[in-house]
Amino acid sequence: MAYDQELADRIREIVQREPGLTEKRMFGGLAFLLNGNMAVSASSKGGLLLRVDPADTPTLTQRPEAGRFEMRGREMDGWLRIDPSGLDTDEELERWVSIGVRYARSLPS
């Protein structure tokens, strides 16, 4: 399944002025990286794949649209899957994207 092009365009609109921005196809989706660190991706499974501070994972996953990203049957702290239902408005999308951008900015290049 291809990633949601409309969602990718909405993300791009939010992050387009970020210094060090690159786009890369990853995990079957389109990832947005800042200085080489993934912040957010339009997922091929719908919604977002979001990189967050691992310490924030338990708090963020209390939201009904957020869950831990699972790879090979293992849930990963620091990686969230955000369901499309939590991205209906620009404000909702911007909230989630800003979390990923903030964390990516905190990492070394």
PDB file of N, CA and C in Angstrom:
ATOM      1  N   MET A   1       0.840  -1.189   0.000  1.00  0.00           N
ATOM      2  CA  MET A   1       0.000   0.000   0.000  1.00  0.00           C
ATOM      3  C   MET A   1       0.883   1.249   0.000  1.00  0.00           C
ATOM      4  N   ALA A   2       0.577   2.184  -0.846  1.00  0.00           N
ATOM      5  CA  ALA A   2       1.325   3.440  -0.909  1.00  0.00           C
ATOM      6  C   ALA A   2       0.894   4.354   0.236  1.00  0.00           C
ATOM      7  N   TYR A   3       1.753   5.275   0.577  1.00  0.00           N
ATOM      8  CA  TYR A   3       1.410   6.239   1.628  1.00  0.00           C
ATOM      9  C   TYR A   3       0.371   7.227   1.110  1.00  0.00           C
ATOM     10  N   ASP A   4      -0.290   7.896   2.016  1.00  0.00           N
ATOM     11  CA  ASP A   4      -1.336   8.865   1.717  1.00  0.00           C
ATOM     12  C   ASP A   4      -0.672  10.162   1.227  1.00  0.00           C
ATOM     13  N   GLN A   5      -0.761  10.415  -0.059  1.00  0.00           N
ATOM     14  CA  GLN A   5      -0.121  11.589  -0.665  1.00  0.00           C
ATOM     15  C   GLN A   5      -0.677  12.885  -0.094  1.00  0.00           C
ATOM     16  N   GLU A   6      -1.978  12.928   0.155  1.00  0.00           N
ATOM     17  CA  GLU A   6      -2.580  14.136   0.726  1.00  0.00           C
ATOM     18  C   GLU A   6      -2.024  14.411   2.118  1.00  0.00           C
ATOM     19  N   LEU A   7      -1.875  13.362   2.923  1.00  0.00           N
ATOM     20  CA  LEU A   7      -1.298  13.529   4.250  1.00  0.00           C
ATOM     21  C   LEU A   7       0.149  14.000   4.138  1.00  0.00           C
ATOM     22  N   ALA A   8       0.916  13.422   3.220  1.00  0.00           N
ATOM     23  CA  ALA A   8       2.309  13.842   3.018  1.00  0.00           C
ATOM     24  C   ALA A   8       2.364  15.329   2.656  1.00  0.00           C
ATOM     25  N   ASP A   9       1.448  15.782   1.823  1.00  0.00           N
ATOM     26  CA  ASP A   9       1.410  17.194   1.449  1.00  0.00           C
ATOM     27  C   ASP A   9       1.072  18.076   2.648  1.00  0.00           C
ATOM     28  N   ARG A  10       0.178  17.614   3.495  1.00  0.00           N
ATOM     29  CA  ARG A  10      -0.175  18.374   4.705  1.00  0.00           C
ATOM     30  C   ARG A  10       1.018  18.467   5.652  1.00  0.00           C
ATOM     31  N   ILE A  11       1.749  17.367   5.799  1.00  0.00           N
ATOM     32  CA  ILE A  11       2.954  17.384   6.643  1.00  0.00           C
ATOM     33  C   ILE A  11       3.981  18.335   6.056  1.00  0.00           C
ATOM     34  N   ARG A  12       4.200  18.223   4.752  1.00  0.00           N
ATOM     35  CA  ARG A  12       5.173  19.078   4.064  1.00  0.00           C
ATOM     36  C   ARG A  12       4.857  20.559   4.301  1.00  0.00           C
ATOM     37  N   GLU A  13       3.595  20.907   4.264  1.00  0.00           N
ATOM     38  CA  GLU A  13       3.176  22.289   4.500  1.00  0.00           C
ATOM     39  C   GLU A  13       3.620  22.760   5.887  1.00  0.00           C
ATOM     40  N   ILE A  14       3.580  21.881   6.874  1.00  0.00           N
ATOM     41  CA  ILE A  14       3.949  22.226   8.247  1.00  0.00           C
ATOM     42  C   ILE A  14       5.466  22.344   8.404  1.00  0.00           C
ATOM     43  N   VAL A  15       6.220  21.445   7.786  1.00  0.00           N
ATOM     44  CA  VAL A  15       7.669  21.367   8.034  1.00  0.00           C
ATOM     45  C   VAL A  15       8.530  22.030   6.961  1.00  0.00           C
ATOM     46  N   GLN A  16       7.934  22.554   5.925  1.00  0.00           N
ATOM     47  CA  GLN A  16       8.704  23.013   4.759  1.00  0.00           C
ATOM     48  C   GLN A  16       9.774  24.055   5.063  1.00  0.00           C
ATOM     49  N   ARG A  17       9.622  24.826   6.096  1.00  0.00           N
ATOM     50  CA  ARG A  17      10.607  25.870   6.409  1.00  0.00           C
ATOM     51  C   ARG A  17      11.627  25.432   7.461  1.00  0.00           C
ATOM     52  N   GLU A  18      11.569  24.189   7.877  1.00  0.00           N
ATOM     53  CA  GLU A  18      12.516  23.675   8.867  1.00  0.00           C
ATOM     54  C   GLU A  18      13.907  23.548   8.248  1.00  0.00           C
ATOM     55  N   PRO A  19      14.923  24.100   8.903  1.00  0.00           N
ATOM     56  CA  PRO A  19      16.291  23.935   8.391  1.00  0.00           C
ATOM     57  C   PRO A  19      16.710  22.465   8.437  1.00  0.00           C
ATOM     58  N   GLY A  20      17.452  22.048   7.431  1.00  0.00           N
ATOM     59  CA  GLY A  20      17.969  20.683   7.401  1.00  0.00           C
ATOM     60  C   GLY A  20      16.945  19.635   7.021  1.00  0.00           C
ATOM     61  N   LEU A  21      15.849  20.046   6.401  1.00  0.00           N
ATOM     62  CA  LEU A  21      14.761  19.124   6.037  1.00  0.00           C
ATOM     63  C   LEU A  21      15.108  18.317   4.795  1.00  0.00           C
ATOM     64  N   THR A  22      14.895  17.026   4.872  1.00  0.00           N
ATOM     65  CA  THR A  22      14.960  16.150   3.707  1.00  0.00           C
ATOM     66  C   THR A  22      13.787  15.193   3.769  1.00  0.00           C
ATOM     67  N   GLU A  23      13.428  14.656   2.622  1.00  0.00           N
ATOM     68  CA  GLU A  23      12.372  13.654   2.533  1.00  0.00           C
ATOM     69  C   GLU A  23      12.993  12.368   2.019  1.00  0.00           C
ATOM     70  N   LYS A  24      12.509  11.251   2.549  1.00  0.00           N
ATOM     71  CA  LYS A  24      13.069   9.964   2.157  1.00  0.00           C
ATOM     72  C   LYS A  24      11.994   8.885   2.301  1.00  0.00           C
ATOM     73  N   ARG A  25      11.940   8.016   1.328  1.00  0.00           N
ATOM     74  CA  ARG A  25      11.028   6.874   1.432  1.00  0.00           C
ATOM     75  C   ARG A  25      11.617   5.885   2.439  1.00  0.00           C
ATOM     76  N   MET A  26      10.841   5.618   3.485  1.00  0.00           N
ATOM     77  CA  MET A  26      11.270   4.702   4.547  1.00  0.00           C
ATOM     78  C   MET A  26      10.053   3.948   5.069  1.00  0.00           C
ATOM     79  N   PHE A  27      10.251   2.705   5.473  1.00  0.00           N
ATOM     80  CA  PHE A  27       9.199   1.900   6.082  1.00  0.00           C
ATOM     81  C   PHE A  27       7.935   1.878   5.216  1.00  0.00           C
ATOM     82  N   GLY A  28       8.084   1.997   3.914  1.00  0.00           N
ATOM     83  CA  GLY A  28       6.954   1.992   3.010  1.00  0.00           C
ATOM     84  C   GLY A  28       6.206   3.308   2.940  1.00  0.00           C
ATOM     85  N   GLY A  29       6.672   4.315   3.659  1.00  0.00           N
ATOM     86  CA  GLY A  29       6.023   5.618   3.660  1.00  0.00           C
ATOM     87  C   GLY A  29       6.975   6.697   3.199  1.00  0.00           C
ATOM     88  N   LEU A  30       6.600   7.942   3.439  1.00  0.00           N
ATOM     89  CA  LEU A  30       7.448   9.076   3.115  1.00  0.00           C
ATOM     90  C   LEU A  30       7.827   9.763   4.418  1.00  0.00           C
ATOM     91  N   ALA A  31       9.120   9.691   4.758  1.00  0.00           N
ATOM     92  CA  ALA A  31       9.614  10.250   6.015  1.00  0.00           C
ATOM     93  C   ALA A  31      10.152  11.653   5.800  1.00  0.00           C
ATOM     94  N   PHE A  32      10.003  12.468   6.827  1.00  0.00           N
ATOM     95  CA  PHE A  32      10.538  13.822   6.857  1.00  0.00           C
ATOM     96  C   PHE A  32      11.609  13.844   7.940  1.00  0.00           C
ATOM     97  N   LEU A  33      12.837  14.124   7.521  1.00  0.00           N
ATOM     98  CA  LEU A  33      13.991  14.094   8.410  1.00  0.00           C
ATOM     99  C   LEU A  33      14.536  15.493   8.615  1.00  0.00           C
ATOM    100  N   LEU A  34      15.036  15.745   9.817  1.00  0.00           N
ATOM    101  CA  LEU A  34      15.686  17.011  10.129  1.00  0.00           C
ATOM    102  C   LEU A  34      17.118  16.706  10.518  1.00  0.00           C
ATOM    103  N   ASN A  35      18.051  17.205   9.728  1.00  0.00           N
ATOM    104  CA  ASN A  35      19.479  16.923   9.937  1.00  0.00           C
ATOM    105  C   ASN A  35      19.743  15.431  10.049  1.00  0.00           C
ATOM    106  N   GLY A  36      19.032  14.653   9.244  1.00  0.00           N
ATOM    107  CA  GLY A  36      19.229  13.212   9.191  1.00  0.00           C
ATOM    108  C   GLY A  36      18.429  12.401  10.184  1.00  0.00           C
ATOM    109  N   ASN A  37      17.673  13.049  11.057  1.00  0.00           N
ATOM    110  CA  ASN A  37      16.869  12.346  12.061  1.00  0.00           C
ATOM    111  C   ASN A  37      15.395  12.373  11.673  1.00  0.00           C
ATOM    112  N   MET A  38      14.783  11.192  11.602  1.00  0.00           N
ATOM    113  CA  MET A  38      13.381  11.150  11.246  1.00  0.00           C
ATOM    114  C   MET A  38      12.536  11.815  12.326  1.00  0.00           C
ATOM    115  N   ALA A  39      11.632  12.672  11.896  1.00  0.00           N
ATOM    116  CA  ALA A  39      10.689  13.329  12.794  1.00  0.00           C
ATOM    117  C   ALA A  39       9.309  12.692  12.658  1.00  0.00           C
ATOM    118  N   VAL A  40       8.875  12.514  11.403  1.00  0.00           N
ATOM    119  CA  VAL A  40       7.520  12.050  11.129  1.00  0.00           C
ATOM    120  C   VAL A  40       7.493  11.422   9.742  1.00  0.00           C
ATOM    121  N   SER A  41       6.538  10.523   9.547  1.00  0.00           N
ATOM    122  CA  SER A  41       6.386   9.881   8.250  1.00  0.00           C
ATOM    123  C   SER A  41       4.907   9.694   7.942  1.00  0.00           C
ATOM    124  N   ALA A  42       4.539   9.928   6.696  1.00  0.00           N
ATOM    125  CA  ALA A  42       3.219   9.532   6.208  1.00  0.00           C
ATOM    126  C   ALA A  42       3.321   8.022   5.989  1.00  0.00           C
ATOM    127  N   SER A  43       2.622   7.271   6.795  1.00  0.00           N
ATOM    128  CA  SER A  43       2.790   5.822   6.826  1.00  0.00           C
ATOM    129  C   SER A  43       2.058   5.124   5.685  1.00  0.00           C
ATOM    130  N   SER A  44       2.626   4.028   5.238  1.00  0.00           N
ATOM    131  CA  SER A  44       1.959   3.218   4.216  1.00  0.00           C
ATOM    132  C   SER A  44       0.751   2.485   4.793  1.00  0.00           C
ATOM    133  N   LYS A  45       0.652   2.435   6.112  1.00  0.00           N
ATOM    134  CA  LYS A  45      -0.485   1.785   6.770  1.00  0.00           C
ATOM    135  C   LYS A  45      -1.556   2.793   7.167  1.00  0.00           C
ATOM    136  N   GLY A  46      -1.402   4.018   6.701  1.00  0.00           N
ATOM    137  CA  GLY A  46      -2.341   5.079   7.044  1.00  0.00           C
ATOM    138  C   GLY A  46      -1.873   5.802   8.290  1.00  0.00           C
ATOM    139  N   GLY A  47      -2.181   7.062   8.388  1.00  0.00           N
ATOM    140  CA  GLY A  47      -1.773   7.843   9.543  1.00  0.00           C
ATOM    141  C   GLY A  47      -0.289   8.145   9.532  1.00  0.00           C
ATOM    142  N   LEU A  48       0.212   8.417  10.735  1.00  0.00           N
ATOM    143  CA  LEU A  48       1.604   8.826  10.898  1.00  0.00           C
ATOM    144  C   LEU A  48       2.427   7.757  11.592  1.00  0.00           C
ATOM    145  N   LEU A  49       3.691   7.731  11.267  1.00  0.00           N
ATOM    146  CA  LEU A  49       4.709   7.100  12.082  1.00  0.00           C
ATOM    147  C   LEU A  49       5.478   8.276  12.656  1.00  0.00           C
ATOM    148  N   LEU A  50       5.558   8.341  13.977  1.00  0.00           N
ATOM    149  CA  LEU A  50       6.088   9.518  14.646  1.00  0.00           C
ATOM    150  C   LEU A  50       7.208   9.115  15.586  1.00  0.00           C
ATOM    151  N   ARG A  51       8.313   9.844  15.518  1.00  0.00           N
ATOM    152  CA  ARG A  51       9.421   9.610  16.442  1.00  0.00           C
ATOM    153  C   ARG A  51       9.293  10.588  17.596  1.00  0.00           C
ATOM    154  N   VAL A  52       9.356  10.046  18.830  1.00  0.00           N
ATOM    155  CA  VAL A  52       9.176  10.859  20.032  1.00  0.00           C
ATOM    156  C   VAL A  52      10.227  10.473  21.066  1.00  0.00           C
ATOM    157  N   ASP A  53      10.359  11.289  22.074  1.00  0.00           N
ATOM    158  CA  ASP A  53      11.237  10.956  23.188  1.00  0.00           C
ATOM    159  C   ASP A  53      10.703   9.670  23.828  1.00  0.00           C
ATOM    160  N   PRO A  54      11.531   8.634  23.955  1.00  0.00           N
ATOM    161  CA  PRO A  54      11.056   7.379  24.547  1.00  0.00           C
ATOM    162  C   PRO A  54      10.414   7.566  25.930  1.00  0.00           C
ATOM    163  N   ALA A  55      10.891   8.534  26.694  1.00  0.00           N
ATOM    164  CA  ALA A  55      10.325   8.782  28.025  1.00  0.00           C
ATOM    165  C   ALA A  55       8.893   9.310  27.947  1.00  0.00           C
ATOM    166  N   ASP A  56       8.515   9.897  26.824  1.00  0.00           N
ATOM    167  CA  ASP A  56       7.162  10.435  26.638  1.00  0.00           C
ATOM    168  C   ASP A  56       6.172   9.401  26.103  1.00  0.00           C
ATOM    169  N   THR A  57       6.661   8.247  25.699  1.00  0.00           N
ATOM    170  CA  THR A  57       5.796   7.233  25.087  1.00  0.00           C
ATOM    171  C   THR A  57       4.594   6.875  25.956  1.00  0.00           C
ATOM    172  N   PRO A  58       4.773   6.554  27.259  1.00  0.00           N
ATOM    173  CA  PRO A  58       3.601   6.171  28.057  1.00  0.00           C
ATOM    174  C   PRO A  58       2.523   7.252  28.127  1.00  0.00           C
ATOM    175  N   THR A  59       2.931   8.499  28.228  1.00  0.00           N
ATOM    176  CA  THR A  59       1.957   9.596  28.291  1.00  0.00           C
ATOM    177  C   THR A  59       1.248   9.783  26.957  1.00  0.00           C
ATOM    178  N   LEU A  60       2.012   9.791  25.878  1.00  0.00           N
ATOM    179  CA  LEU A  60       1.424  10.028  24.559  1.00  0.00           C
ATOM    180  C   LEU A  60       0.498   8.902  24.124  1.00  0.00           C
ATOM    181  N   THR A  61       0.773   7.678  24.527  1.00  0.00           N
ATOM    182  CA  THR A  61      -0.073   6.554  24.118  1.00  0.00           C
ATOM    183  C   THR A  61      -1.368   6.481  24.921  1.00  0.00           C
ATOM    184  N   GLN A  62      -1.569   7.382  25.843  1.00  0.00           N
ATOM    185  CA  GLN A  62      -2.861   7.460  26.523  1.00  0.00           C
ATOM    186  C   GLN A  62      -3.924   8.081  25.618  1.00  0.00           C
ATOM    187  N   ARG A  63      -3.495   8.770  24.584  1.00  0.00           N
ATOM    188  CA  ARG A  63      -4.430   9.326  23.608  1.00  0.00           C
ATOM    189  C   ARG A  63      -4.984   8.173  22.773  1.00  0.00           C
ATOM    190  N   PRO A  64      -6.285   8.151  22.495  1.00  0.00           N
ATOM    191  CA  PRO A  64      -6.873   7.007  21.781  1.00  0.00           C
ATOM    192  C   PRO A  64      -6.336   6.800  20.367  1.00  0.00           C
ATOM    193  N   GLU A  65      -5.849   7.855  19.717  1.00  0.00           N
ATOM    194  CA  GLU A  65      -5.362   7.721  18.348  1.00  0.00           C
ATOM    195  C   GLU A  65      -3.897   7.292  18.286  1.00  0.00           C
ATOM    196  N   ALA A  66      -3.223   7.217  19.429  1.00  0.00           N
ATOM    197  CA  ALA A  66      -1.787   6.924  19.452  1.00  0.00           C
ATOM    198  C   ALA A  66      -1.512   5.546  20.041  1.00  0.00           C
ATOM    199  N   GLY A  67      -0.598   4.835  19.398  1.00  0.00           N
ATOM    200  CA  GLY A  67      -0.156   3.544  19.912  1.00  0.00           C
ATOM    201  C   GLY A  67       1.317   3.359  19.611  1.00  0.00           C
ATOM    202  N   ARG A  68       1.935   2.466  20.329  1.00  0.00           N
ATOM    203  CA  ARG A  68       3.348   2.180  20.072  1.00  0.00           C
ATOM    204  C   ARG A  68       3.493   1.527  18.699  1.00  0.00           C
ATOM    205  N   PHE A  69       4.528   1.910  17.984  1.00  0.00           N
ATOM    206  CA  PHE A  69       4.872   1.291  16.713  1.00  0.00           C
ATOM    207  C   PHE A  69       5.389  -0.109  17.013  1.00  0.00           C
ATOM    208  N   GLU A  70       4.958  -1.041  16.212  1.00  0.00           N
ATOM    209  CA  GLU A  70       5.365  -2.438  16.406  1.00  0.00           C
ATOM    210  C   GLU A  70       6.215  -2.881  15.223  1.00  0.00           C
ATOM    211  N   MET A  71       7.374  -3.448  15.533  1.00  0.00           N
ATOM    212  CA  MET A  71       8.255  -3.979  14.508  1.00  0.00           C
ATOM    213  C   MET A  71       8.609  -5.420  14.874  1.00  0.00           C
ATOM    214  N   ARG A  72       8.290  -6.328  13.954  1.00  0.00           N
ATOM    215  CA  ARG A  72       8.539  -7.759  14.157  1.00  0.00           C
ATOM    216  C   ARG A  72       7.925  -8.262  15.463  1.00  0.00           C
ATOM    217  N   GLY A  73       6.719  -7.777  15.760  1.00  0.00           N
ATOM    218  CA  GLY A  73       5.994  -8.228  16.939  1.00  0.00           C
ATOM    219  C   GLY A  73       6.422  -7.576  18.238  1.00  0.00           C
ATOM    220  N   ARG A  74       7.330  -6.620  18.168  1.00  0.00           N
ATOM    221  CA  ARG A  74       7.825  -5.965  19.374  1.00  0.00           C
ATOM    222  C   ARG A  74       7.444  -4.488  19.358  1.00  0.00           C
ATOM    223  N   GLU A  75       6.795  -4.034  20.437  1.00  0.00           N
ATOM    224  CA  GLU A  75       6.439  -2.622  20.548  1.00  0.00           C
ATOM    225  C   GLU A  75       7.685  -1.818  20.889  1.00  0.00           C
ATOM    226  N   MET A  76       7.797  -0.657  20.262  1.00  0.00           N
ATOM    227  CA  MET A  76       8.999   0.160  20.391  1.00  0.00           C
ATOM    228  C   MET A  76       8.691   1.471  21.120  1.00  0.00           C
ATOM    229  N   ASP A  77       9.363   1.725  22.236  1.00  0.00           N
ATOM    230  CA  ASP A  77       9.275   3.036  22.870  1.00  0.00           C
ATOM    231  C   ASP A  77       9.975   4.044  21.977  1.00  0.00           C
ATOM    232  N   GLY A  78       9.435   5.248  21.906  1.00  0.00           N
ATOM    233  CA  GLY A  78      10.038   6.292  21.093  1.00  0.00           C
ATOM    234  C   GLY A  78       9.514   6.343  19.667  1.00  0.00           C
ATOM    235  N   TRP A  79       8.664   5.403  19.307  1.00  0.00           N
ATOM    236  CA  TRP A  79       8.071   5.358  17.966  1.00  0.00           C
ATOM    237  C   TRP A  79       6.576   5.132  18.119  1.00  0.00           C
ATOM    238  N   LEU A  80       5.770   6.020  17.558  1.00  0.00           N
ATOM    239  CA  LEU A  80       4.316   5.920  17.672  1.00  0.00           C
ATOM    240  C   LEU A  80       3.676   5.801  16.302  1.00  0.00           C
ATOM    241  N   ARG A  81       2.553   5.118  16.287  1.00  0.00           N
ATOM    242  CA  ARG A  81       1.681   5.105  15.117  1.00  0.00           C
ATOM    243  C   ARG A  81       0.457   5.934  15.510  1.00  0.00           C
ATOM    244  N   ILE A  82       0.164   6.953  14.714  1.00  0.00           N
ATOM    245  CA  ILE A  82      -0.981   7.832  14.962  1.00  0.00           C
ATOM    246  C   ILE A  82      -2.045   7.503  13.927  1.00  0.00           C
ATOM    247  N   ASP A  83      -3.197   7.083  14.404  1.00  0.00           N
ATOM    248  CA  ASP A  83      -4.305   6.695  13.544  1.00  0.00           C
ATOM    249  C   ASP A  83      -4.829   7.907  12.768  1.00  0.00           C
ATOM    250  N   PRO A  84      -5.249   7.688  11.523  1.00  0.00           N
ATOM    251  CA  PRO A  84      -5.791   8.800  10.728  1.00  0.00           C
ATOM    252  C   PRO A  84      -6.937   9.546  11.409  1.00  0.00           C
ATOM    253  N   SER A  85      -7.686   8.873  12.279  1.00  0.00           N
ATOM    254  CA  SER A  85      -8.806   9.536  12.961  1.00  0.00           C
ATOM    255  C   SER A  85      -8.338  10.679  13.854  1.00  0.00           C
ATOM    256  N   GLY A  86      -7.070  10.673  14.248  1.00  0.00           N
ATOM    257  CA  GLY A  86      -6.534  11.742  15.080  1.00  0.00           C
ATOM    258  C   GLY A  86      -5.867  12.847  14.294  1.00  0.00           C
ATOM    259  N   LEU A  87      -6.084  12.848  12.968  1.00  0.00           N
ATOM    260  CA  LEU A  87      -5.402  13.816  12.098  1.00  0.00           C
ATOM    261  C   LEU A  87      -6.384  14.568  11.210  1.00  0.00           C
ATOM    262  N   ASP A  88      -7.638  14.571  11.586  1.00  0.00           N
ATOM    263  CA  ASP A  88      -8.667  15.177  10.738  1.00  0.00           C
ATOM    264  C   ASP A  88      -8.466  16.676  10.532  1.00  0.00           C
ATOM    265  N   THR A  89      -8.074  17.375  11.585  1.00  0.00           N
ATOM    266  CA  THR A  89      -7.918  18.821  11.456  1.00  0.00           C
ATOM    267  C   THR A  89      -6.443  19.174  11.326  1.00  0.00           C
ATOM    268  N   ASP A  90      -6.175  20.352  10.775  1.00  0.00           N
ATOM    269  CA  ASP A  90      -4.795  20.831  10.669  1.00  0.00           C
ATOM    270  C   ASP A  90      -4.179  20.999  12.054  1.00  0.00           C
ATOM    271  N   GLU A  91      -4.987  21.404  13.033  1.00  0.00           N
ATOM    272  CA  GLU A  91      -4.484  21.589  14.396  1.00  0.00           C
ATOM    273  C   GLU A  91      -4.029  20.263  14.994  1.00  0.00           C
ATOM    274  N   GLU A  92      -4.803  19.199  14.771  1.00  0.00           N
ATOM    275  CA  GLU A  92      -4.419  17.882  15.283  1.00  0.00           C
ATOM    276  C   GLU A  92      -3.116  17.414  14.633  1.00  0.00           C
ATOM    277  N   LEU A  93      -3.040  17.537  13.322  1.00  0.00           N
ATOM    278  CA  LEU A  93      -1.830  17.118  12.618  1.00  0.00           C
ATOM    279  C   LEU A  93      -0.629  17.940  13.082  1.00  0.00           C
ATOM    280  N   GLU A  94      -0.795  19.243  13.183  1.00  0.00           N
ATOM    281  CA  GLU A  94       0.303  20.104  13.600  1.00  0.00           C
ATOM    282  C   GLU A  94       0.778  19.757  15.010  1.00  0.00           C
ATOM    283  N   ARG A  95      -0.135  19.408  15.879  1.00  0.00           N
ATOM    284  CA  ARG A  95       0.239  19.017  17.251  1.00  0.00           C
ATOM    285  C   ARG A  95       1.168  17.813  17.219  1.00  0.00           C
ATOM    286  N   TRP A  96       0.775  16.779  16.483  1.00  0.00           N
ATOM    287  CA  TRP A  96       1.592  15.572  16.434  1.00  0.00           C
ATOM    288  C   TRP A  96       2.922  15.828  15.728  1.00  0.00           C
ATOM    289  N   VAL A  97       2.882  16.519  14.610  1.00  0.00           N
ATOM    290  CA  VAL A  97       4.112  16.786  13.853  1.00  0.00           C
ATOM    291  C   VAL A  97       5.087  17.589  14.709  1.00  0.00           C
ATOM    292  N   SER A  98       4.593  18.555  15.461  1.00  0.00           N
ATOM    293  CA  SER A  98       5.481  19.381  16.285  1.00  0.00           C
ATOM    294  C   SER A  98       6.188  18.552  17.352  1.00  0.00           C
ATOM    295  N   ILE A  99       5.551  17.509  17.849  1.00  0.00           N
ATOM    296  CA  ILE A  99       6.196  16.621  18.824  1.00  0.00           C
ATOM    297  C   ILE A  99       7.373  15.906  18.168  1.00  0.00           C
ATOM    298  N   GLY A 100       7.161  15.389  16.966  1.00  0.00           N
ATOM    299  CA  GLY A 100       8.241  14.713  16.245  1.00  0.00           C
ATOM    300  C   GLY A 100       9.365  15.656  15.865  1.00  0.00           C
ATOM    301  N   VAL A 101       9.018  16.862  15.423  1.00  0.00           N
ATOM    302  CA  VAL A 101      10.026  17.853  15.043  1.00  0.00           C
ATOM    303  C   VAL A 101      10.864  18.236  16.261  1.00  0.00           C
ATOM    304  N   ARG A 102      10.210  18.484  17.371  1.00  0.00           N
ATOM    305  CA  ARG A 102      10.926  18.877  18.593  1.00  0.00           C
ATOM    306  C   ARG A 102      11.925  17.792  19.004  1.00  0.00           C
ATOM    307  N   TYR A 103      11.499  16.525  18.937  1.00  0.00           N
ATOM    308  CA  TYR A 103      12.406  15.454  19.335  1.00  0.00           C
ATOM    309  C   TYR A 103      13.551  15.301  18.329  1.00  0.00           C
ATOM    310  N   ALA A 104      13.253  15.343  17.050  1.00  0.00           N
ATOM    311  CA  ALA A 104      14.315  15.220  16.030  1.00  0.00           C
ATOM    312  C   ALA A 104      15.339  16.334  16.192  1.00  0.00           C
ATOM    313  N   ARG A 105      14.889  17.521  16.525  1.00  0.00           N
ATOM    314  CA  ARG A 105      15.793  18.665  16.732  1.00  0.00           C
ATOM    315  C   ARG A 105      16.705  18.443  17.945  1.00  0.00           C
ATOM    316  N   SER A 106      16.273  17.650  18.915  1.00  0.00           N
ATOM    317  CA  SER A 106      17.060  17.434  20.132  1.00  0.00           C
ATOM    318  C   SER A 106      18.189  16.425  19.920  1.00  0.00           C
ATOM    319  N   LEU A 107      18.188  15.729  18.792  1.00  0.00           N
ATOM    320  CA  LEU A 107      19.178  14.687  18.524  1.00  0.00           C
ATOM    321  C   LEU A 107      20.377  15.253  17.769  1.00  0.00           C
ATOM    322  N   PRO A 108      21.541  14.644  17.947  1.00  0.00           N
ATOM    323  CA  PRO A 108      22.695  15.109  17.177  1.00  0.00           C
ATOM    324  C   PRO A 108      22.496  14.832  15.690  1.00  0.00           C
ATOM    325  N   SER A 109      23.086  15.680  14.867  1.00  0.00           N
ATOM    326  CA  SER A 109      22.981  15.511  13.402  1.00  0.00           C
ATOM    327  C   SER A 109      23.624  14.222  12.968  1.00  0.00           C
TER     328      SER A 109
END
